[in-house]
């Protein structure tokens, strides 16, 4: 029971702390004359990935590298199959052509990069399945390219909409309060990540599950709760398109930034993360693109959303059966 308490306490603290960090950082960013658009594409996107970053770094430092990798792989699978699936069931998602060509292309590229690393025992000469420090640095370089692209897109949109520049003049809260929120948010993420990993590890041992499987399922779902809640709320309000940006940003951040940062700190062996898990992540990205491009006239329909959600249920059922 204590392990379950720490698991639930950890995820609740992480979600709450991530909101504090995001709100405080966004307020500080506006003081540097960044528009709401740029803040949303960078600071807010980073905020939604801080739970994954916190848990992955803490897991790796505590010697639970498979949980760190499983957290990222599982979160990306959950983001596409569950979040996009549930939101599409609530309200069909209209996808812009530019998003299908550019942003979703980056999601597929990031998934492919991790797939190649995970298939190292088949594709590599040394037979290693590991995200090395060198690979981590390369992932971070890809992340820098992604940020450069994001800023370029934001600047182009801002230049074409002078009225948006006025948003940069708003200061939502005093500077001291923004700094306090960032500091408290970071502290909460670190402590919440520590408690969550401790609880999840205890649950894994008691149920006979590997840390990799826990990372792929329990931890991944827990760290994706902020994205799920925000996306469903947006869909109910008639803004289901926000879910696409939510998922795209989170998935790119998870692989390029979260895994890149964690692997740079300490190399990450894949451990119990199987070829099938990586193939499911890659397949989910491709299905996401196909549903946007090939079917429903660039709209993810309710039946397609139901298919995505059903695929996740089947994947989790397989994981449970494999343990049993």
C-alpha atoms as a PDB file:
ATOM      1  CA  UNK A   1       0.000   0.000   0.000  1.00  0.00           C
ATOM      2  CA  UNK A   2       2.858   2.377   0.787  1.00  0.00           C
ATOM      3  CA  UNK A   3       4.280   1.910  -2.711  1.00  0.00           C
ATOM      4  CA  UNK A   4       0.892   2.722  -4.266  1.00  0.00           C
ATOM      5  CA  UNK A   5       0.643   5.830  -2.066  1.00  0.00           C
ATOM      6  CA  UNK A   6       4.071   7.091  -3.167  1.00  0.00           C
ATOM      7  CA  UNK A   7       3.217   6.353  -6.797  1.00  0.00           C
ATOM      8  CA  UNK A   8      -0.029   8.368  -6.646  1.00  0.00           C
ATOM      9  CA  UNK A   9       1.521  11.103  -4.500  1.00  0.00           C
ATOM     10  CA  UNK A  10       4.455  11.387  -6.895  1.00  0.00           C
ATOM     11  CA  UNK A  11       2.346  11.756 -10.043  1.00  0.00           C
ATOM     12  CA  UNK A  12       0.035  14.294  -8.356  1.00  0.00           C
ATOM     13  CA  UNK A  13       2.997  16.382  -7.181  1.00  0.00           C
ATOM     14  CA  UNK A  14       4.654  16.178 -10.613  1.00  0.00           C
ATOM     15  CA  UNK A  15       1.519  17.381 -12.419  1.00  0.00           C
ATOM     16  CA  UNK A  16       0.995  20.233  -9.925  1.00  0.00           C
ATOM     17  CA  UNK A  17       4.671  21.237 -10.000  1.00  0.00           C
ATOM     18  CA  UNK A  18       4.759  21.164 -13.806  1.00  0.00           C
ATOM     19  CA  UNK A  19       1.855  23.638 -13.904  1.00  0.00           C
ATOM     20  CA  UNK A  20       3.703  25.974 -11.503  1.00  0.00           C
ATOM     21  CA  UNK A  21       6.905  25.737 -13.529  1.00  0.00           C
ATOM     22  CA  UNK A  22       5.096  26.391 -16.815  1.00  0.00           C
ATOM     23  CA  UNK A  23       3.091  29.372 -15.509  1.00  0.00           C
ATOM     24  CA  UNK A  24       6.121  30.960 -13.852  1.00  0.00           C
ATOM     25  CA  UNK A  25       8.397  30.431 -16.851  1.00  0.00           C
ATOM     26  CA  UNK A  26       5.765  31.772 -19.263  1.00  0.00           C
ATOM     27  CA  UNK A  27       5.410  34.947 -17.203  1.00  0.00           C
ATOM     28  CA  UNK A  28       9.185  35.460 -17.137  1.00  0.00           C
ATOM     29  CA  UNK A  29       9.394  34.791 -20.885  1.00  0.00           C
ATOM     30  CA  UNK A  30       6.867  37.544 -21.596  1.00  0.00           C
ATOM     31  CA  UNK A  31       9.066  39.968 -19.692  1.00  0.00           C
ATOM     32  CA  UNK A  32      11.723  39.204 -22.302  1.00  0.00           C
ATOM     33  CA  UNK A  33       9.280  40.401 -24.995  1.00  0.00           C
ATOM     34  CA  UNK A  34       8.374  36.941 -26.219  1.00  0.00           C
ATOM     35  CA  UNK A  35       4.897  36.707 -27.702  1.00  0.00           C
ATOM     36  CA  UNK A  36       2.228  34.307 -26.447  1.00  0.00           C
ATOM     37  CA  UNK A  37       2.790  32.266 -29.600  1.00  0.00           C
ATOM     38  CA  UNK A  38       6.499  31.757 -28.940  1.00  0.00           C
ATOM     39  CA  UNK A  39       5.812  30.993 -25.267  1.00  0.00           C
ATOM     40  CA  UNK A  40       3.269  28.346 -26.225  1.00  0.00           C
ATOM     41  CA  UNK A  41       5.584  26.694 -28.735  1.00  0.00           C
ATOM     42  CA  UNK A  42       8.582  26.586 -26.399  1.00  0.00           C
ATOM     43  CA  UNK A  43       8.004  27.228 -22.680  1.00  0.00           C
ATOM     44  CA  UNK A  44       4.598  25.539 -22.433  1.00  0.00           C
ATOM     45  CA  UNK A  45       5.739  22.602 -24.587  1.00  0.00           C
ATOM     46  CA  UNK A  46       8.733  22.174 -22.273  1.00  0.00           C
ATOM     47  CA  UNK A  47       6.431  22.332 -19.248  1.00  0.00           C
ATOM     48  CA  UNK A  48       4.288  19.437 -20.470  1.00  0.00           C
ATOM     49  CA  UNK A  49       7.411  17.298 -20.876  1.00  0.00           C
ATOM     50  CA  UNK A  50       8.932  18.114 -17.484  1.00  0.00           C
ATOM     51  CA  UNK A  51       7.229  15.120 -15.777  1.00  0.00           C
ATOM     52  CA  UNK A  52       8.914  12.771 -18.269  1.00  0.00           C
ATOM     53  CA  UNK A  53      12.222  14.614 -17.852  1.00  0.00           C
ATOM     54  CA  UNK A  54      12.039  14.484 -14.054  1.00  0.00           C
ATOM     55  CA  UNK A  55      11.209  10.786 -13.863  1.00  0.00           C
ATOM     56  CA  UNK A  56      13.673   9.760 -16.577  1.00  0.00           C
ATOM     57  CA  UNK A  57      16.615  11.608 -14.998  1.00  0.00           C
ATOM     58  CA  UNK A  58      15.809  10.368 -11.481  1.00  0.00           C
ATOM     59  CA  UNK A  59      15.322   6.794 -12.738  1.00  0.00           C
ATOM     60  CA  UNK A  60      18.647   6.828 -14.588  1.00  0.00           C
ATOM     61  CA  UNK A  61      20.561   8.290 -11.638  1.00  0.00           C
ATOM     62  CA  UNK A  62      19.074   5.643  -9.349  1.00  0.00           C
ATOM     63  CA  UNK A  63      20.190   2.871 -11.691  1.00  0.00           C
ATOM     64  CA  UNK A  64      16.755   2.241 -13.237  1.00  0.00           C
ATOM     65  CA  UNK A  65      17.696   3.107 -16.842  1.00  0.00           C
ATOM     66  CA  UNK A  66      15.107   0.757 -18.427  1.00  0.00           C
ATOM     67  CA  UNK A  67      12.357   2.708 -16.626  1.00  0.00           C
ATOM     68  CA  UNK A  68      13.762   5.966 -18.034  1.00  0.00           C
ATOM     69  CA  UNK A  69      13.700   4.660 -21.614  1.00  0.00           C
ATOM     70  CA  UNK A  70      10.375   2.901 -21.070  1.00  0.00           C
ATOM     71  CA  UNK A  71       8.871   6.135 -19.766  1.00  0.00           C
ATOM     72  CA  UNK A  72       9.665   7.944 -23.029  1.00  0.00           C
ATOM     73  CA  UNK A  73       8.661   5.084 -25.336  1.00  0.00           C
ATOM     74  CA  UNK A  74       5.451   4.421 -23.388  1.00  0.00           C
ATOM     75  CA  UNK A  75       4.554   8.126 -23.178  1.00  0.00           C
ATOM     76  CA  UNK A  76       4.901   8.563 -26.937  1.00  0.00           C
ATOM     77  CA  UNK A  77       2.729   5.503 -27.577  1.00  0.00           C
ATOM     78  CA  UNK A  78       0.149   6.749 -25.052  1.00  0.00           C
ATOM     79  CA  UNK A  79       0.158  10.272 -26.507  1.00  0.00           C
ATOM     80  CA  UNK A  80      -0.759   9.132 -30.005  1.00  0.00           C
ATOM     81  CA  UNK A  81      -2.991   6.120 -29.401  1.00  0.00           C
ATOM     82  CA  UNK A  82      -4.863   7.326 -26.302  1.00  0.00           C
ATOM     83  CA  UNK A  83      -4.814  11.130 -26.412  1.00  0.00           C
ATOM     84  CA  UNK A  84      -5.404  11.508 -30.158  1.00  0.00           C
ATOM     85  CA  UNK A  85      -7.784   8.545 -30.067  1.00  0.00           C
ATOM     86  CA  UNK A  86      -9.908   9.836 -27.174  1.00  0.00           C
ATOM     87  CA  UNK A  87      -9.974  13.408 -28.480  1.00  0.00           C
ATOM     88  CA  UNK A  88     -11.033  12.223 -31.955  1.00  0.00           C
ATOM     89  CA  UNK A  89     -13.869  10.214 -30.397  1.00  0.00           C
ATOM     90  CA  UNK A  90     -14.993  13.319 -28.495  1.00  0.00           C
ATOM     91  CA  UNK A  91     -14.688  15.480 -31.621  1.00  0.00           C
ATOM     92  CA  UNK A  92     -13.071  14.735 -35.012  1.00  0.00           C
ATOM     93  CA  UNK A  93      -9.684  16.423 -35.399  1.00  0.00           C
ATOM     94  CA  UNK A  94      -9.042  18.614 -38.432  1.00  0.00           C
ATOM     95  CA  UNK A  95      -5.349  18.648 -39.376  1.00  0.00           C
ATOM     96  CA  UNK A  96      -3.687  21.391 -41.419  1.00  0.00           C
ATOM     97  CA  UNK A  97      -1.629  20.286 -44.469  1.00  0.00           C
ATOM     98  CA  UNK A  98       1.519  22.036 -43.197  1.00  0.00           C
ATOM     99  CA  UNK A  99       1.303  20.084 -39.920  1.00  0.00           C
ATOM    100  CA  UNK A 100       1.214  16.762 -41.794  1.00  0.00           C
ATOM    101  CA  UNK A 101       4.256  17.632 -43.892  1.00  0.00           C
ATOM    102  CA  UNK A 102       6.453  19.342 -41.284  1.00  0.00           C
ATOM    103  CA  UNK A 103       5.561  18.702 -37.636  1.00  0.00           C
ATOM    104  CA  UNK A 104       4.342  15.099 -37.958  1.00  0.00           C
ATOM    105  CA  UNK A 105       7.419  14.457 -40.121  1.00  0.00           C
ATOM    106  CA  UNK A 106       9.554  15.443 -37.114  1.00  0.00           C
ATOM    107  CA  UNK A 107       7.599  13.020 -34.912  1.00  0.00           C
ATOM    108  CA  UNK A 108       8.347  10.197 -37.372  1.00  0.00           C
ATOM    109  CA  UNK A 109      12.016  11.259 -37.579  1.00  0.00           C
ATOM    110  CA  UNK A 110      12.424  11.235 -33.784  1.00  0.00           C
ATOM    111  CA  UNK A 111      10.748   7.818 -33.528  1.00  0.00           C
ATOM    112  CA  UNK A 112      13.006   6.486 -36.288  1.00  0.00           C
ATOM    113  CA  UNK A 113      16.116   7.755 -34.490  1.00  0.00           C
ATOM    114  CA  UNK A 114      15.173   5.877 -31.304  1.00  0.00           C
ATOM    115  CA  UNK A 115      14.167   2.805 -33.316  1.00  0.00           C
ATOM    116  CA  UNK A 116      17.638   2.631 -34.902  1.00  0.00           C
ATOM    117  CA  UNK A 117      19.307   2.922 -31.479  1.00  0.00           C
ATOM    118  CA  UNK A 118      17.040   0.230 -30.034  1.00  0.00           C
ATOM    119  CA  UNK A 119      17.754  -2.163 -32.896  1.00  0.00           C
ATOM    120  CA  UNK A 120      21.504  -1.826 -32.310  1.00  0.00           C
ATOM    121  CA  UNK A 121      21.902  -5.553 -31.701  1.00  0.00           C
ATOM    122  CA  UNK A 122      20.606  -6.182 -35.213  1.00  0.00           C
ATOM    123  CA  UNK A 123      21.907  -3.157 -37.120  1.00  0.00           C
ATOM    124  CA  UNK A 124      25.129  -2.459 -35.202  1.00  0.00           C
ATOM    125  CA  UNK A 125      28.423  -4.296 -35.250  1.00  0.00           C
ATOM    126  CA  UNK A 126      28.963  -4.183 -31.487  1.00  0.00           C
ATOM    127  CA  UNK A 127      25.543  -5.581 -30.698  1.00  0.00           C
ATOM    128  CA  UNK A 128      24.774  -2.907 -28.084  1.00  0.00           C
ATOM    129  CA  UNK A 129      21.279  -1.662 -27.327  1.00  0.00           C
ATOM    130  CA  UNK A 130      22.089   1.573 -25.557  1.00  0.00           C
ATOM    131  CA  UNK A 131      21.544   5.309 -25.815  1.00  0.00           C
ATOM    132  CA  UNK A 132      25.143   6.404 -25.314  1.00  0.00           C
ATOM    133  CA  UNK A 133      26.379   9.852 -24.312  1.00  0.00           C
ATOM    134  CA  UNK A 134      27.320  10.492 -27.948  1.00  0.00           C
ATOM    135  CA  UNK A 135      23.807   9.521 -29.056  1.00  0.00           C
ATOM    136  CA  UNK A 136      22.369  11.746 -26.319  1.00  0.00           C
ATOM    137  CA  UNK A 137      24.355  14.726 -27.591  1.00  0.00           C
ATOM    138  CA  UNK A 138      23.172  14.031 -31.149  1.00  0.00           C
ATOM    139  CA  UNK A 139      19.558  13.917 -29.942  1.00  0.00           C
ATOM    140  CA  UNK A 140      20.064  17.274 -28.225  1.00  0.00           C
ATOM    141  CA  UNK A 141      21.447  18.708 -31.480  1.00  0.00           C
ATOM    142  CA  UNK A 142      18.272  17.567 -33.236  1.00  0.00           C
ATOM    143  CA  UNK A 143      16.337  19.285 -30.454  1.00  0.00           C
ATOM    144  CA  UNK A 144      18.213  22.550 -31.110  1.00  0.00           C
ATOM    145  CA  UNK A 145      17.299  22.269 -34.802  1.00  0.00           C
ATOM    146  CA  UNK A 146      13.660  21.727 -33.808  1.00  0.00           C
ATOM    147  CA  UNK A 147      13.746  24.826 -31.579  1.00  0.00           C
ATOM    148  CA  UNK A 148      15.303  26.884 -34.368  1.00  0.00           C
ATOM    149  CA  UNK A 149      12.551  25.765 -36.721  1.00  0.00           C
ATOM    150  CA  UNK A 150       9.892  26.557 -34.114  1.00  0.00           C
ATOM    151  CA  UNK A 151      11.232  30.067 -33.497  1.00  0.00           C
ATOM    152  CA  UNK A 152      11.470  30.690 -37.250  1.00  0.00           C
ATOM    153  CA  UNK A 153       7.842  29.634 -37.730  1.00  0.00           C
ATOM    154  CA  UNK A 154       6.727  31.737 -34.756  1.00  0.00           C
ATOM    155  CA  UNK A 155       8.631  34.794 -36.004  1.00  0.00           C
ATOM    156  CA  UNK A 156       7.102  34.438 -39.454  1.00  0.00           C
ATOM    157  CA  UNK A 157       3.598  34.241 -37.987  1.00  0.00           C
ATOM    158  CA  UNK A 158       4.302  37.159 -35.645  1.00  0.00           C
ATOM    159  CA  UNK A 159       5.601  39.365 -38.472  1.00  0.00           C
ATOM    160  CA  UNK A 160       2.450  38.687 -40.478  1.00  0.00           C
ATOM    161  CA  UNK A 161       0.187  39.500 -37.492  1.00  0.00           C
ATOM    162  CA  UNK A 162       1.205  42.780 -35.807  1.00  0.00           C
ATOM    163  CA  UNK A 163      -1.694  42.484 -33.374  1.00  0.00           C
ATOM    164  CA  UNK A 164      -0.065  39.356 -31.879  1.00  0.00           C
ATOM    165  CA  UNK A 165       2.962  41.436 -30.867  1.00  0.00           C
ATOM    166  CA  UNK A 166       0.805  43.243 -28.353  1.00  0.00           C
ATOM    167  CA  UNK A 167       0.581  40.000 -26.403  1.00  0.00           C
ATOM    168  CA  UNK A 168       4.255  40.371 -25.543  1.00  0.00           C
ATOM    169  CA  UNK A 169       3.491  43.450 -23.447  1.00  0.00           C
ATOM    170  CA  UNK A 170       1.384  41.584 -20.908  1.00  0.00           C
ATOM    171  CA  UNK A 171       2.865  40.741 -17.511  1.00  0.00           C
ATOM    172  CA  UNK A 172       0.652  38.328 -15.703  1.00  0.00           C
ATOM    173  CA  UNK A 173       2.361  38.399 -12.297  1.00  0.00           C
ATOM    174  CA  UNK A 174       5.203  40.115 -10.373  1.00  0.00           C
ATOM    175  CA  UNK A 175       8.721  38.930 -11.197  1.00  0.00           C
ATOM    176  CA  UNK A 176       9.366  37.638  -7.659  1.00  0.00           C
ATOM    177  CA  UNK A 177       6.283  35.447  -7.825  1.00  0.00           C
ATOM    178  CA  UNK A 178       7.295  34.065 -11.221  1.00  0.00           C
ATOM    179  CA  UNK A 179      10.741  33.139  -9.873  1.00  0.00           C
ATOM    180  CA  UNK A 180       9.238  31.495  -6.784  1.00  0.00           C
ATOM    181  CA  UNK A 181       6.884  29.441  -8.975  1.00  0.00           C
ATOM    182  CA  UNK A 182       9.785  28.254 -11.143  1.00  0.00           C
ATOM    183  CA  UNK A 183      11.929  27.305  -8.128  1.00  0.00           C
ATOM    184  CA  UNK A 184       9.069  25.573  -6.291  1.00  0.00           C
ATOM    185  CA  UNK A 185       8.012  23.856  -9.515  1.00  0.00           C
ATOM    186  CA  UNK A 186      11.503  22.464 -10.118  1.00  0.00           C
ATOM    187  CA  UNK A 187      11.807  21.310  -6.497  1.00  0.00           C
ATOM    188  CA  UNK A 188       8.409  19.617  -6.713  1.00  0.00           C
ATOM    189  CA  UNK A 189       9.400  17.842  -9.923  1.00  0.00           C
ATOM    190  CA  UNK A 190      12.609  16.503  -8.415  1.00  0.00           C
ATOM    191  CA  UNK A 191      10.966  15.259  -5.209  1.00  0.00           C
ATOM    192  CA  UNK A 192       7.847  14.020  -6.998  1.00  0.00           C
ATOM    193  CA  UNK A 193      10.006  12.145  -9.505  1.00  0.00           C
ATOM    194  CA  UNK A 194      11.949  10.497  -6.701  1.00  0.00           C
ATOM    195  CA  UNK A 195       8.763   9.366  -4.904  1.00  0.00           C
ATOM    196  CA  UNK A 196       7.118   8.204  -8.136  1.00  0.00           C
ATOM    197  CA  UNK A 197      10.114   6.082  -9.147  1.00  0.00           C
ATOM    198  CA  UNK A 198      10.301   4.583  -5.648  1.00  0.00           C
ATOM    199  CA  UNK A 199       6.606   3.710  -5.686  1.00  0.00           C
ATOM    200  CA  UNK A 200       6.637   2.376  -9.250  1.00  0.00           C
ATOM    201  CA  UNK A 201       9.692   0.224  -8.553  1.00  0.00           C
ATOM    202  CA  UNK A 202       8.006  -1.214  -5.464  1.00  0.00           C
ATOM    203  CA  UNK A 203       4.840  -1.996  -7.413  1.00  0.00           C
ATOM    204  CA  UNK A 204       6.904  -3.659 -10.152  1.00  0.00           C
ATOM    205  CA  UNK A 205       8.639  -5.937  -7.676  1.00  0.00           C
ATOM    206  CA  UNK A 206       5.437  -6.848  -5.854  1.00  0.00           C
ATOM    207  CA  UNK A 207       3.630  -7.731  -9.102  1.00  0.00           C
ATOM    208  CA  UNK A 208       6.591  -9.481 -10.673  1.00  0.00           C
ATOM    209  CA  UNK A 209       6.777  -6.878 -13.443  1.00  0.00           C
ATOM    210  CA  UNK A 210      10.048  -5.591 -14.850  1.00  0.00           C
ATOM    211  CA  UNK A 211      10.971  -1.921 -14.463  1.00  0.00           C
ATOM    212  CA  UNK A 212      10.846  -1.601 -18.250  1.00  0.00           C
ATOM    213  CA  UNK A 213       7.200  -2.748 -18.374  1.00  0.00           C
ATOM    214  CA  UNK A 214       6.247  -0.421 -15.503  1.00  0.00           C
ATOM    215  CA  UNK A 215       7.908   2.443 -17.362  1.00  0.00           C
ATOM    216  CA  UNK A 216       6.061   1.556 -20.561  1.00  0.00           C
ATOM    217  CA  UNK A 217       2.644   1.446 -18.874  1.00  0.00           C
ATOM    218  CA  UNK A 218       2.095   2.873 -15.371  1.00  0.00           C
ATOM    219  CA  UNK A 219       4.791   5.551 -15.456  1.00  0.00           C
ATOM    220  CA  UNK A 220       4.094   6.524 -19.068  1.00  0.00           C
ATOM    221  CA  UNK A 221       0.363   6.914 -18.475  1.00  0.00           C
ATOM    222  CA  UNK A 222       0.958   8.892 -15.292  1.00  0.00           C
ATOM    223  CA  UNK A 223       3.327  11.384 -16.888  1.00  0.00           C
ATOM    224  CA  UNK A 224       0.957  11.842 -19.856  1.00  0.00           C
ATOM    225  CA  UNK A 225      -2.044  12.766 -17.695  1.00  0.00           C
ATOM    226  CA  UNK A 226      -1.470  16.559 -18.108  1.00  0.00           C
ATOM    227  CA  UNK A 227      -1.554  16.244 -21.909  1.00  0.00           C
ATOM    228  CA  UNK A 228      -4.640  14.010 -21.793  1.00  0.00           C
ATOM    229  CA  UNK A 229      -6.584  16.340 -19.493  1.00  0.00           C
ATOM    230  CA  UNK A 230      -5.658  19.453 -21.485  1.00  0.00           C
ATOM    231  CA  UNK A 231      -6.469  17.835 -24.828  1.00  0.00           C
ATOM    232  CA  UNK A 232      -9.871  16.478 -23.795  1.00  0.00           C
ATOM    233  CA  UNK A 233     -10.793  19.843 -22.245  1.00  0.00           C
ATOM    234  CA  UNK A 234      -9.802  21.596 -25.471  1.00  0.00           C
ATOM    235  CA  UNK A 235     -11.884  19.176 -27.541  1.00  0.00           C
ATOM    236  CA  UNK A 236     -14.951  19.726 -25.357  1.00  0.00           C
ATOM    237  CA  UNK A 237     -14.532  23.486 -25.912  1.00  0.00           C
ATOM    238  CA  UNK A 238     -14.335  22.990 -29.673  1.00  0.00           C
ATOM    239  CA  UNK A 239     -10.542  23.336 -29.953  1.00  0.00           C
ATOM    240  CA  UNK A 240      -9.655  19.729 -30.723  1.00  0.00           C
ATOM    241  CA  UNK A 241      -6.870  20.847 -33.046  1.00  0.00           C
ATOM    242  CA  UNK A 242      -4.850  21.843 -29.975  1.00  0.00           C
ATOM    243  CA  UNK A 243      -4.465  18.141 -29.200  1.00  0.00           C
ATOM    244  CA  UNK A 244      -2.400  17.649 -32.352  1.00  0.00           C
ATOM    245  CA  UNK A 245       0.113  20.298 -31.308  1.00  0.00           C
ATOM    246  CA  UNK A 246       0.117  18.899 -27.765  1.00  0.00           C
ATOM    247  CA  UNK A 247       1.023  15.409 -28.931  1.00  0.00           C
ATOM    248  CA  UNK A 248       3.516  16.514 -31.578  1.00  0.00           C
ATOM    249  CA  UNK A 249       5.406  18.820 -29.204  1.00  0.00           C
ATOM    250  CA  UNK A 250       5.436  16.299 -26.368  1.00  0.00           C
ATOM    251  CA  UNK A 251       6.667  13.404 -28.523  1.00  0.00           C
ATOM    252  CA  UNK A 252       9.485  15.441 -30.071  1.00  0.00           C
ATOM    253  CA  UNK A 253      10.535  16.830 -26.670  1.00  0.00           C
ATOM    254  CA  UNK A 254      10.447  13.364 -25.105  1.00  0.00           C
ATOM    255  CA  UNK A 255      12.912  11.784 -27.516  1.00  0.00           C
ATOM    256  CA  UNK A 256      15.172  14.666 -28.509  1.00  0.00           C
ATOM    257  CA  UNK A 257      15.268  16.562 -25.200  1.00  0.00           C
ATOM    258  CA  UNK A 258      14.320  14.133 -22.404  1.00  0.00           C
ATOM    259  CA  UNK A 259      16.287  11.131 -23.676  1.00  0.00           C
ATOM    260  CA  UNK A 260      19.050  13.377 -25.027  1.00  0.00           C
ATOM    261  CA  UNK A 261      19.513  15.078 -21.664  1.00  0.00           C
ATOM    262  CA  UNK A 262      19.266  11.864 -19.640  1.00  0.00           C
ATOM    263  CA  UNK A 263      21.673   9.926 -21.885  1.00  0.00           C
ATOM    264  CA  UNK A 264      24.176  12.793 -21.761  1.00  0.00           C
ATOM    265  CA  UNK A 265      24.154  12.509 -17.957  1.00  0.00           C
ATOM    266  CA  UNK A 266      24.453   8.717 -17.956  1.00  0.00           C
ATOM    267  CA  UNK A 267      24.253   6.127 -20.784  1.00  0.00           C
ATOM    268  CA  UNK A 268      20.877   4.374 -21.001  1.00  0.00           C
ATOM    269  CA  UNK A 269      20.714   0.646 -21.814  1.00  0.00           C
ATOM    270  CA  UNK A 270      17.348  -0.402 -23.242  1.00  0.00           C
ATOM    271  CA  UNK A 271      17.152  -3.436 -20.961  1.00  0.00           C
ATOM    272  CA  UNK A 272      13.658  -4.902 -21.112  1.00  0.00           C
ATOM    273  CA  UNK A 273      12.461  -2.474 -23.804  1.00  0.00           C
ATOM    274  CA  UNK A 274      11.883  -4.911 -26.654  1.00  0.00           C
ATOM    275  CA  UNK A 275      11.974  -4.508 -30.411  1.00  0.00           C
ATOM    276  CA  UNK A 276       8.193  -4.849 -30.349  1.00  0.00           C
ATOM    277  CA  UNK A 277       7.811  -1.854 -28.018  1.00  0.00           C
ATOM    278  CA  UNK A 278       9.921   0.313 -30.326  1.00  0.00           C
ATOM    279  CA  UNK A 279       8.054  -1.009 -33.377  1.00  0.00           C
ATOM    280  CA  UNK A 280       4.723  -0.104 -31.742  1.00  0.00           C
ATOM    281  CA  UNK A 281       5.995   3.434 -31.081  1.00  0.00           C
ATOM    282  CA  UNK A 282       7.132   3.769 -34.700  1.00  0.00           C
ATOM    283  CA  UNK A 283       3.927   2.195 -35.980  1.00  0.00           C
ATOM    284  CA  UNK A 284       1.792   4.565 -33.900  1.00  0.00           C
ATOM    285  CA  UNK A 285       3.600   7.545 -35.461  1.00  0.00           C
ATOM    286  CA  UNK A 286       3.034   6.195 -38.975  1.00  0.00           C
ATOM    287  CA  UNK A 287      -0.643   5.407 -38.310  1.00  0.00           C
ATOM    288  CA  UNK A 288      -1.054   8.942 -36.947  1.00  0.00           C
ATOM    289  CA  UNK A 289       0.333  10.311 -40.212  1.00  0.00           C
ATOM    290  CA  UNK A 290      -1.758   7.946 -42.352  1.00  0.00           C
ATOM    291  CA  UNK A 291      -5.008   8.820 -40.592  1.00  0.00           C
ATOM    292  CA  UNK A 292      -4.204  12.507 -41.103  1.00  0.00           C
ATOM    293  CA  UNK A 293      -3.128  12.160 -44.725  1.00  0.00           C
ATOM    294  CA  UNK A 294      -4.889   9.256 -46.379  1.00  0.00           C
ATOM    295  CA  UNK A 295      -8.278   8.963 -44.707  1.00  0.00           C
ATOM    296  CA  UNK A 296     -11.138  11.226 -43.724  1.00  0.00           C
ATOM    297  CA  UNK A 297     -10.051  14.188 -45.874  1.00  0.00           C
ATOM    298  CA  UNK A 298      -7.294  15.324 -43.490  1.00  0.00           C
ATOM    299  CA  UNK A 299      -9.552  14.687 -40.510  1.00  0.00           C
ATOM    300  CA  UNK A 300      -9.098  12.043 -37.812  1.00  0.00           C
ATOM    301  CA  UNK A 301     -12.648  10.731 -37.499  1.00  0.00           C
ATOM    302  CA  UNK A 302     -14.412   9.123 -34.543  1.00  0.00           C
ATOM    303  CA  UNK A 303     -14.027   5.558 -35.920  1.00  0.00           C
ATOM    304  CA  UNK A 304     -10.322   6.184 -36.489  1.00  0.00           C
ATOM    305  CA  UNK A 305     -10.005   7.541 -32.953  1.00  0.00           C
ATOM    306  CA  UNK A 306     -11.680   4.406 -31.619  1.00  0.00           C
ATOM    307  CA  UNK A 307      -9.196   2.275 -33.594  1.00  0.00           C
ATOM    308  CA  UNK A 308      -6.254   4.145 -32.049  1.00  0.00           C
ATOM    309  CA  UNK A 309      -7.617   3.675 -28.516  1.00  0.00           C
ATOM    310  CA  UNK A 310      -8.332  -0.010 -29.186  1.00  0.00           C
ATOM    311  CA  UNK A 311      -4.754  -0.517 -30.375  1.00  0.00           C
ATOM    312  CA  UNK A 312      -3.467   0.837 -27.060  1.00  0.00           C
ATOM    313  CA  UNK A 313      -5.772  -1.469 -25.092  1.00  0.00           C
ATOM    314  CA  UNK A 314      -4.440  -4.408 -27.121  1.00  0.00           C
ATOM    315  CA  UNK A 315      -0.828  -3.318 -26.501  1.00  0.00           C
ATOM    316  CA  UNK A 316      -1.319  -3.027 -22.722  1.00  0.00           C
ATOM    317  CA  UNK A 317      -3.186  -6.372 -22.664  1.00  0.00           C
ATOM    318  CA  UNK A 318      -0.201  -7.966 -24.391  1.00  0.00           C
ATOM    319  CA  UNK A 319       2.182  -6.487 -21.795  1.00  0.00           C
ATOM    320  CA  UNK A 320       0.054  -7.827 -18.938  1.00  0.00           C
ATOM    321  CA  UNK A 321      -0.246 -11.274 -20.514  1.00  0.00           C
ATOM    322  CA  UNK A 322       3.509 -11.398 -21.114  1.00  0.00           C
ATOM    323  CA  UNK A 323       4.102 -10.821 -17.392  1.00  0.00           C
ATOM    324  CA  UNK A 324       1.490 -13.371 -16.336  1.00  0.00           C
END
